[in-house]
Protein backbone atom coordinates (compact mmCIF):
# COMPACT_ATOMS: atom_id res chain seq x y z
CA MET A 1 12.22 -35.21 -24.65
CA LEU A 2 12.89 -36.32 -28.20
CA THR A 3 10.16 -37.83 -30.27
CA ARG A 4 10.79 -41.14 -31.98
CA GLY A 5 8.35 -41.40 -34.80
CA ALA A 6 7.92 -42.22 -38.43
CA PRO A 7 10.89 -41.35 -40.63
CA GLU A 8 9.23 -38.25 -42.02
CA GLY A 9 7.05 -37.36 -39.08
CA SER A 10 6.74 -34.61 -36.59
CA SER A 11 5.20 -34.62 -33.18
CA ASP A 12 2.75 -32.33 -31.46
CA SER A 13 5.63 -30.85 -29.46
CA GLY A 14 7.17 -29.36 -32.60
CA THR A 15 9.98 -31.89 -32.79
CA VAL A 16 10.74 -33.02 -36.33
CA VAL A 17 12.36 -36.43 -36.73
CA ARG A 18 13.65 -38.24 -39.82
CA GLU A 19 15.93 -41.16 -40.40
CA VAL A 20 18.55 -41.55 -43.10
CA ALA A 21 21.19 -44.18 -43.86
CA VAL A 22 24.88 -43.28 -44.11
CA ALA A 23 25.81 -43.94 -47.74
CA ILE A 24 29.53 -43.19 -47.79
CA ARG A 25 31.93 -46.11 -47.48
CA GLU A 26 34.11 -44.51 -44.84
CA GLY A 27 31.17 -43.70 -42.57
CA LEU A 28 31.20 -40.63 -40.38
CA HIS A 29 34.82 -39.59 -40.21
CA ALA A 30 36.15 -36.06 -39.62
CA ARG A 31 35.29 -34.49 -43.00
CA PRO A 32 31.61 -35.49 -43.18
CA VAL A 33 31.14 -34.74 -39.48
CA MET A 34 32.52 -31.22 -39.97
CA ARG A 35 30.26 -30.67 -43.00
CA PHE A 36 27.27 -31.85 -40.96
CA VAL A 37 28.14 -29.62 -37.97
CA ASP A 38 28.81 -26.58 -40.17
CA HIS A 39 25.48 -27.10 -41.92
CA ALA A 40 23.56 -27.74 -38.67
CA SER A 41 25.03 -24.59 -37.12
CA LYS A 42 23.24 -22.46 -39.73
CA PHE A 43 19.89 -23.24 -38.10
CA GLN A 44 18.38 -21.79 -34.93
CA SER A 45 16.76 -25.06 -33.89
CA LYS A 46 18.30 -27.47 -31.43
CA ILE A 47 19.53 -30.43 -33.50
CA THR A 48 20.25 -33.88 -32.11
CA VAL A 49 21.42 -37.06 -33.80
CA GLN A 50 21.36 -40.72 -32.80
CA ASN A 51 22.87 -43.75 -34.47
CA ALA A 52 19.56 -45.63 -34.54
CA THR A 53 21.22 -48.78 -35.82
CA ARG A 54 23.36 -49.08 -32.70
CA LYS A 55 20.70 -47.55 -30.44
CA GLY A 56 23.43 -45.29 -29.09
CA ASP A 57 23.39 -42.03 -27.25
CA ILE A 58 21.66 -38.96 -28.58
CA VAL A 59 24.25 -36.27 -29.34
CA ASP A 60 24.30 -32.58 -30.19
CA GLY A 61 24.30 -32.23 -33.98
CA LYS A 62 26.21 -28.96 -33.70
CA SER A 63 29.15 -30.51 -31.82
CA ALA A 64 31.89 -32.22 -33.84
CA MET A 65 33.21 -34.04 -30.77
CA GLN A 66 29.78 -35.47 -29.95
CA MET A 67 29.03 -36.36 -33.57
CA MET A 68 32.24 -38.41 -33.74
CA LEU A 69 30.90 -40.49 -30.82
CA LEU A 70 28.15 -41.85 -33.09
CA GLU A 71 30.67 -44.17 -34.74
CA ALA A 72 28.33 -44.45 -37.71
CA THR A 73 29.52 -46.72 -40.50
CA VAL A 74 28.11 -47.23 -43.99
CA GLY A 75 24.50 -48.42 -43.79
CA ASN A 76 23.94 -47.22 -40.22
CA VAL A 77 20.73 -45.25 -39.83
CA LEU A 78 20.96 -41.77 -38.32
CA ARG A 79 17.91 -40.39 -36.53
CA ILE A 80 18.06 -36.61 -36.95
CA SER A 81 15.78 -34.54 -34.72
CA ALA A 82 15.23 -30.81 -34.40
CA ILE A 83 13.09 -28.56 -32.30
CA GLY A 84 12.73 -24.86 -32.90
CA PRO A 85 11.52 -22.28 -35.38
CA ASP A 86 13.23 -23.83 -38.41
CA ALA A 87 13.12 -27.48 -37.33
CA ALA A 88 11.52 -28.90 -40.48
CA LEU A 89 13.88 -27.02 -42.77
CA ALA A 90 16.89 -28.06 -40.67
CA VAL A 91 16.00 -31.76 -40.65
CA ASP A 92 15.13 -31.84 -44.35
CA SER A 93 18.37 -30.07 -45.22
CA LEU A 94 20.52 -32.33 -43.05
CA VAL A 95 18.86 -35.48 -44.40
CA ALA A 96 19.59 -34.23 -47.93
CA LEU A 97 23.22 -33.63 -46.94
CA VAL A 98 23.58 -37.21 -45.70
CA GLU A 99 21.75 -38.61 -48.74
CA THR A 100 24.15 -36.83 -51.09
CA GLY A 101 27.18 -38.27 -49.32
CA PHE A 102 27.92 -35.02 -47.47
CA ASP A 103 28.77 -33.47 -50.85
CA LEU A 104 32.12 -35.25 -50.73
CA GLU A 105 33.68 -36.25 -54.01
CA GLY A 106 34.01 -39.89 -54.90
CA PRO A 107 31.74 -42.90 -55.28
CA LYS A 108 29.08 -43.70 -52.74
CA ALA A 109 28.40 -47.18 -51.47
CA ALA A 110 25.04 -48.73 -52.25
CA VAL A 111 22.91 -49.50 -49.20
C-alpha cells in the first residue's frame, strides 16, 4: 500500500513520498515522460506516480505507457512514491527532474 503523507515525508514502511508540480507548459507529453522513465529505471526501488490534482490512478513510474495515462498538464501536482533500497534517492532525484522541467530546453511556465 502506498503512503500518502507530507510532501517530503516518509512512512514507517519505508515508502518515500513527495509531491511536485509540473512546470512545463506542454505538460507530460512523450519527451518528458521518456526522460522520467529513463531516469526512474536507474533505481532499484519500485516507483509509482499519481496525478494528485486529478486524484487519478497510481501508475508505474518505469512504464512510459502508464505514465502517459496521468494526463498531467502544467500546474498539476505529481505524487511520486518509491519503496526499496534507494527510495529516498530515487524520489529526490525524480522530483528534481520535474522541478527542472525534465531538463528540456525552452522556457518554463510559472506555477
